[in-house]
Amino acid sequence: MSDRISLLGVRARGFHGVLADEKRDGQDFVVDVVLHVDLAPAGTTDDLALTINYAEVGADVVRRIEGPSLDLIESLAEQVAADALVRPGVRAVEVTVHKPSAPVGVPFGDVAVTIERTRAVPVVIALGANLGDAPRTLQSAIDDLGDAVQSVRRAPFVSTDPVGGPDQPRYTNTVVLATTALAPHELLARLHAVEARHGRVREVRWGARTLDLDLIQYGDPASGTDVRCDDLVLTLPHPRAHERGFVLQPWSRVDPDAVLRVGDRVVPVTELLAGVDASDVEDI
């Protein structure tokens, strides 16, 4: 269960409704917003930058209430939810829109709609292994990700030569496209936990391994919503993905229209694949 920030009873006057007098005269609307987030980083560091600015969330709600007239409070709830989900760190949101002066025609206390929406960020994960039953390990790793990812699509397994490092067996590789509600560092931690459960150790750089999971891309570069990050733990997009045939080839097969950010450019994966040597990539 995720942590929550609740902002309840945000009130403003709007002009939403299907009746002419509702659009002309307006009425008060009240909105509750519950944000599902991970509050541990903020709680352990006391760093304001690591939590959600609920004053800004409240301002967004008022802007939507006072904004262009809508027929349905369901539409108002969707707008409020969409605003909340673009905020970094928000995994899911519950929005309740109250219309206490609705023209119901009978005595009543309140009319409200409640929606729940989950963040669904597209991600690309590359998987590889060259020890043990590699295809079985890779599929097991995908299954072990559990609720960390949704809408999973897996590319075909391929066999490739190792890149760098000591002499070692050929790799089995694949790429997974999915969506996630987790923040980038949270997802990376889940990937590392799955690696550890399958006996992954980091003793020899580019050495043989039971399992390797790399977060290649987080978000959609085509729409400019991809995350760019370069810290001690995570670099996004993956700094070498654009030159790796064992990533590009299976990726292009599961999504022929895929794109990857390379520097300041957003490049089709098929174009990148044409510029690398992928002659060692073989179907299994």
Protein backbone atom coordinates (compact mmCIF):
# COMPACT_ATOMS: atom_id res chain seq x y z
CA MET A 1 0.00 0.00 0.00
CA SER A 2 1.41 3.40 -0.98
CA ASP A 3 1.65 6.48 1.20
CA ARG A 4 -0.93 9.18 0.63
CA ILE A 5 -1.31 12.94 0.63
CA SER A 6 -4.95 14.05 0.97
CA LEU A 7 -6.18 17.50 0.00
CA LEU A 8 -9.85 17.64 0.92
CA GLY A 9 -12.59 20.19 0.45
CA VAL A 10 -11.07 22.47 -2.19
CA ARG A 11 -13.94 24.83 -3.04
CA ALA A 12 -14.41 27.21 -5.97
CA ARG A 13 -17.21 28.51 -8.18
CA GLY A 14 -17.67 27.00 -11.61
CA PHE A 15 -20.16 26.85 -14.43
CA HIS A 16 -20.39 23.12 -15.06
CA GLY A 17 -23.66 21.38 -15.85
CA VAL A 18 -26.05 20.65 -18.69
CA LEU A 19 -28.72 23.22 -17.78
CA ALA A 20 -28.67 26.76 -19.13
CA ASP A 21 -28.94 28.37 -15.67
CA GLU A 22 -26.00 26.26 -14.40
CA LYS A 23 -23.84 27.60 -17.20
CA ARG A 24 -25.15 31.14 -16.69
CA ASP A 25 -25.24 31.51 -12.89
CA GLY A 26 -22.67 28.95 -11.77
CA GLN A 27 -22.44 27.19 -8.40
CA ASP A 28 -19.90 25.99 -5.88
CA PHE A 29 -17.99 22.76 -6.47
CA VAL A 30 -15.91 20.94 -3.88
CA VAL A 31 -13.06 18.61 -4.81
CA ASP A 32 -11.10 16.04 -2.77
CA VAL A 33 -7.74 14.81 -4.08
CA VAL A 34 -5.84 11.84 -2.65
CA LEU A 35 -2.36 11.34 -4.07
CA HIS A 36 -0.65 7.97 -3.76
CA VAL A 37 3.09 8.55 -3.46
CA ASP A 38 6.23 7.24 -1.78
CA LEU A 39 6.86 9.60 1.14
CA ALA A 40 9.90 7.76 2.50
CA PRO A 41 12.51 9.90 0.68
CA ALA A 42 10.98 13.14 2.00
CA GLY A 43 10.34 11.70 5.45
CA THR A 44 13.90 10.45 5.94
CA THR A 45 15.63 13.55 4.55
CA ASP A 46 13.22 16.38 5.47
CA ASP A 47 13.81 17.65 1.92
CA LEU A 48 10.91 19.72 0.58
CA ALA A 49 11.95 18.94 -3.01
CA LEU A 50 11.19 15.24 -2.46
CA THR A 51 7.51 15.62 -1.67
CA ILE A 52 4.42 17.02 -3.40
CA ASN A 53 3.57 20.71 -3.20
CA TYR A 54 -0.08 20.46 -2.22
CA ALA A 55 -0.53 24.22 -2.58
CA GLU A 56 0.20 23.75 -6.28
CA VAL A 57 -2.21 20.82 -6.43
CA GLY A 58 -4.90 22.99 -4.87
CA ALA A 59 -4.23 25.77 -7.37
CA ASP A 60 -4.60 23.26 -10.21
CA VAL A 61 -7.97 22.15 -8.82
CA VAL A 62 -9.28 25.71 -8.55
CA ARG A 63 -8.09 26.46 -12.08
CA ARG A 64 -10.06 23.48 -13.40
CA ILE A 65 -13.20 24.38 -11.42
CA GLU A 66 -13.08 27.99 -12.61
CA GLY A 67 -12.10 26.98 -16.13
CA PRO A 68 -14.17 26.41 -19.28
CA SER A 69 -17.68 25.10 -18.68
CA LEU A 70 -18.16 21.33 -18.83
CA ASP A 71 -21.41 19.40 -18.98
CA LEU A 72 -20.31 16.65 -16.59
CA ILE A 73 -18.53 16.62 -13.26
CA GLU A 74 -17.07 13.33 -14.49
CA SER A 75 -15.10 15.38 -17.03
CA LEU A 76 -13.97 17.77 -14.31
CA ALA A 77 -12.72 14.83 -12.25
CA GLU A 78 -10.75 13.49 -15.22
CA GLN A 79 -9.05 16.86 -15.74
CA VAL A 80 -8.07 17.10 -12.07
CA ALA A 81 -6.73 13.53 -12.11
CA ALA A 82 -4.69 14.14 -15.26
CA ASP A 83 -3.09 17.23 -13.70
CA ALA A 84 -2.11 15.24 -10.62
CA LEU A 85 -0.63 12.30 -12.50
CA VAL A 86 1.91 14.43 -14.38
CA ARG A 87 3.51 15.41 -11.09
CA PRO A 88 6.75 13.47 -10.47
CA GLY A 89 6.33 10.82 -7.82
CA VAL A 90 2.54 10.50 -8.03
CA ARG A 91 1.73 6.83 -8.64
CA ALA A 92 -2.04 7.07 -8.55
CA VAL A 93 -4.77 9.53 -7.64
CA GLU A 94 -8.33 9.44 -6.33
CA VAL A 95 -10.49 12.44 -7.17
CA THR A 96 -13.96 13.16 -5.79
CA VAL A 97 -15.96 16.07 -7.22
CA HIS A 98 -18.89 17.20 -5.10
CA LYS A 99 -21.78 19.20 -6.57
CA PRO A 100 -23.77 20.15 -3.45
CA SER A 101 -26.19 22.45 -5.31
CA ALA A 102 -26.96 20.07 -8.17
CA PRO A 103 -30.53 20.34 -9.56
CA VAL A 104 -31.63 16.93 -8.31
CA GLY A 105 -35.29 17.75 -7.71
CA VAL A 106 -35.52 15.94 -4.36
CA PRO A 107 -34.04 16.68 -0.91
CA PHE A 108 -30.42 15.46 -0.79
CA GLY A 109 -27.19 16.01 1.06
CA ASP A 110 -24.63 15.78 -1.73
CA VAL A 111 -23.96 14.57 -5.24
CA ALA A 112 -20.44 13.38 -6.00
CA VAL A 113 -18.43 11.32 -8.44
CA THR A 114 -15.20 9.56 -7.52
CA ILE A 115 -12.59 8.25 -9.93
CA GLU A 116 -9.30 6.42 -9.44
CA ARG A 117 -6.55 6.68 -12.01
CA THR A 118 -3.09 5.11 -12.08
CA ARG A 119 -0.04 6.59 -13.69
CA ALA A 120 1.03 4.60 -16.74
CA VAL A 121 4.48 5.67 -17.94
CA PRO A 122 5.91 3.72 -20.90
CA VAL A 123 9.23 2.07 -20.15
CA VAL A 124 11.73 -0.08 -22.03
CA ILE A 125 13.70 -2.76 -20.16
CA ALA A 126 16.47 -4.87 -21.69
CA LEU A 127 17.16 -8.33 -20.29
CA GLY A 128 20.11 -10.65 -20.78
CA ALA A 129 21.63 -13.81 -19.30
CA ASN A 130 24.33 -16.30 -20.27
CA LEU A 131 24.48 -18.71 -17.33
CA GLY A 132 22.10 -21.58 -16.67
CA ASP A 133 18.81 -21.90 -18.55
CA ALA A 134 18.86 -18.32 -19.84
CA PRO A 135 15.47 -18.19 -21.65
CA ARG A 136 13.73 -19.64 -18.63
CA THR A 137 15.51 -17.19 -16.33
CA LEU A 138 14.53 -14.22 -18.48
CA GLN A 139 10.87 -15.21 -18.55
CA SER A 140 10.93 -15.85 -14.81
CA ALA A 141 12.43 -12.39 -14.26
CA ILE A 142 9.64 -10.78 -16.26
CA ASP A 143 7.09 -12.65 -14.17
CA ASP A 144 8.89 -11.63 -10.96
CA LEU A 145 8.47 -7.94 -11.77
CA GLY A 146 4.84 -8.42 -10.77
CA ASP A 147 2.92 -5.21 -10.18
CA ALA A 148 5.98 -3.04 -10.88
CA VAL A 149 4.98 -3.09 -14.55
CA GLN A 150 1.78 -3.47 -16.52
CA SER A 151 0.80 -3.99 -20.18
CA VAL A 152 3.93 -6.06 -20.77
CA ARG A 153 5.02 -6.87 -24.32
CA ARG A 154 8.11 -9.07 -24.81
CA ALA A 155 10.29 -9.22 -27.89
CA PRO A 156 11.46 -12.61 -29.20
CA PHE A 157 14.49 -14.14 -27.49
CA VAL A 158 17.73 -13.73 -29.43
CA SER A 159 21.25 -15.08 -29.01
CA THR A 160 24.19 -12.65 -29.17
CA ASP A 161 27.92 -12.52 -28.65
CA PRO A 162 29.14 -11.02 -25.34
CA VAL A 163 30.40 -7.42 -25.51
CA GLY A 164 33.68 -6.82 -23.68
CA GLY A 165 34.76 -8.67 -20.57
CA PRO A 166 36.40 -12.11 -20.27
CA ASP A 167 35.68 -15.15 -22.43
CA GLN A 168 32.14 -16.33 -21.72
CA PRO A 169 29.13 -18.02 -23.33
CA ARG A 170 26.80 -16.28 -25.76
CA TYR A 171 23.93 -14.31 -24.28
CA THR A 172 20.21 -14.73 -24.53
CA ASN A 173 18.60 -11.30 -24.80
CA THR A 174 15.18 -9.75 -25.09
CA VAL A 175 13.46 -6.40 -24.58
CA VAL A 176 10.27 -5.71 -22.67
CA LEU A 177 7.92 -2.80 -23.29
CA ALA A 178 5.59 -1.99 -20.41
CA THR A 179 4.04 0.77 -18.38
CA THR A 180 4.72 1.58 -14.75
CA ALA A 181 3.38 3.73 -11.95
CA LEU A 182 6.77 3.72 -10.21
CA ALA A 183 9.27 6.56 -10.34
CA PRO A 184 12.50 5.81 -12.26
CA HIS A 185 14.66 5.09 -9.21
CA GLU A 186 11.91 2.96 -7.65
CA LEU A 187 11.66 0.88 -10.81
CA LEU A 188 15.43 0.50 -10.96
CA ALA A 189 15.42 -0.77 -7.37
CA ARG A 190 12.81 -3.37 -8.33
CA LEU A 191 14.96 -4.48 -11.29
CA HIS A 192 17.97 -4.88 -9.00
CA ALA A 193 15.88 -6.85 -6.50
CA VAL A 194 14.82 -9.28 -9.25
CA GLU A 195 18.45 -9.65 -10.34
CA ALA A 196 19.46 -10.44 -6.77
CA ARG A 197 16.75 -13.10 -6.43
CA HIS A 198 18.23 -14.81 -9.48
CA GLY A 199 21.76 -14.82 -8.07
CA ARG A 200 23.20 -11.81 -9.89
CA VAL A 201 26.53 -10.61 -8.50
CA ARG A 202 28.62 -7.65 -9.69
CA GLU A 203 32.22 -8.82 -9.31
CA VAL A 204 33.62 -8.66 -12.87
CA ARG A 205 32.74 -5.77 -15.20
CA TRP A 206 30.88 -7.15 -18.25
CA GLY A 207 31.40 -10.65 -16.89
CA ALA A 208 29.11 -13.64 -17.24
CA ARG A 209 25.86 -13.31 -15.32
CA THR A 210 22.75 -15.19 -14.40
CA LEU A 211 20.61 -12.13 -15.13
CA ASP A 212 21.00 -8.54 -16.26
CA LEU A 213 18.13 -6.03 -16.29
CA ASP A 214 18.72 -2.56 -17.73
CA LEU A 215 16.26 0.33 -17.69
CA ILE A 216 16.71 1.71 -21.20
CA GLN A 217 14.06 4.41 -21.40
CA TYR A 218 11.46 5.95 -19.09
CA GLY A 219 8.69 7.96 -20.73
CA ASP A 220 8.04 8.84 -24.36
CA PRO A 221 10.71 10.86 -26.19
CA ALA A 222 8.38 11.34 -29.16
CA SER A 223 6.15 13.53 -26.98
CA GLY A 224 9.01 15.00 -24.95
CA THR A 225 7.86 13.29 -21.74
CA ASP A 226 10.87 11.02 -21.34
CA VAL A 227 13.00 11.37 -18.22
CA ARG A 228 16.61 12.40 -18.64
CA CYS A 229 18.75 11.59 -15.64
CA ASP A 230 22.46 11.28 -14.89
CA ASP A 231 23.36 10.59 -11.29
CA LEU A 232 25.46 8.05 -9.41
CA VAL A 233 22.67 5.46 -9.53
CA LEU A 234 20.80 5.91 -12.81
CA THR A 235 21.45 7.30 -16.28
CA LEU A 236 18.48 7.81 -18.61
CA PRO A 237 18.20 7.09 -21.39
CA HIS A 238 20.69 4.22 -21.15
CA PRO A 239 23.98 5.68 -22.40
CA ARG A 240 24.96 2.74 -24.64
CA ALA A 241 21.59 1.44 -25.84
CA HIS A 242 21.85 3.29 -29.15
CA GLU A 243 24.92 1.27 -30.15
CA ARG A 244 23.86 -2.18 -28.97
CA GLY A 245 22.41 -4.45 -31.59
CA PHE A 246 21.22 -6.91 -28.95
CA VAL A 247 18.95 -4.16 -27.60
CA LEU A 248 17.94 -2.44 -30.83
CA GLN A 249 17.14 -5.56 -32.86
CA PRO A 250 14.60 -7.19 -30.52
CA TRP A 251 13.22 -3.76 -29.58
CA SER A 252 12.50 -2.94 -33.22
CA ARG A 253 10.71 -6.27 -33.62
CA VAL A 254 8.30 -5.70 -30.75
CA ASP A 255 7.78 -2.03 -31.71
CA PRO A 256 8.79 -1.07 -35.27
CA ASP A 257 7.90 2.58 -34.56
CA ALA A 258 10.04 2.87 -31.43
CA VAL A 259 12.28 5.90 -30.91
CA LEU A 260 15.20 6.57 -28.58
CA ARG A 261 16.73 9.85 -27.47
CA VAL A 262 20.39 10.11 -28.45
CA GLY A 263 21.83 13.36 -27.18
CA ASP A 264 19.44 16.08 -28.30
CA ARG A 265 17.93 13.97 -31.10
CA VAL A 266 15.00 11.57 -31.04
CA VAL A 267 15.93 8.81 -33.46
CA PRO A 268 13.91 5.85 -34.78
CA VAL A 269 15.28 2.60 -33.39
CA THR A 270 15.25 1.11 -36.90
CA GLU A 271 17.57 3.91 -38.04
CA LEU A 272 19.93 3.26 -35.14
CA LEU A 273 19.87 -0.47 -35.87
CA ALA A 274 20.89 0.16 -39.48
CA GLY A 275 24.02 1.90 -38.23
CA VAL A 276 25.32 -0.86 -35.95
CA ASP A 277 26.68 -4.34 -36.54
CA ALA A 278 23.94 -6.76 -35.50
CA SER A 279 25.21 -9.71 -37.55
CA ASP A 280 25.72 -11.77 -34.38
CA VAL A 281 22.08 -11.44 -33.31
CA GLU A 282 20.36 -14.76 -33.99
CA ASP A 283 16.86 -16.01 -33.27
CA ILE A 284 16.52 -18.76 -30.70
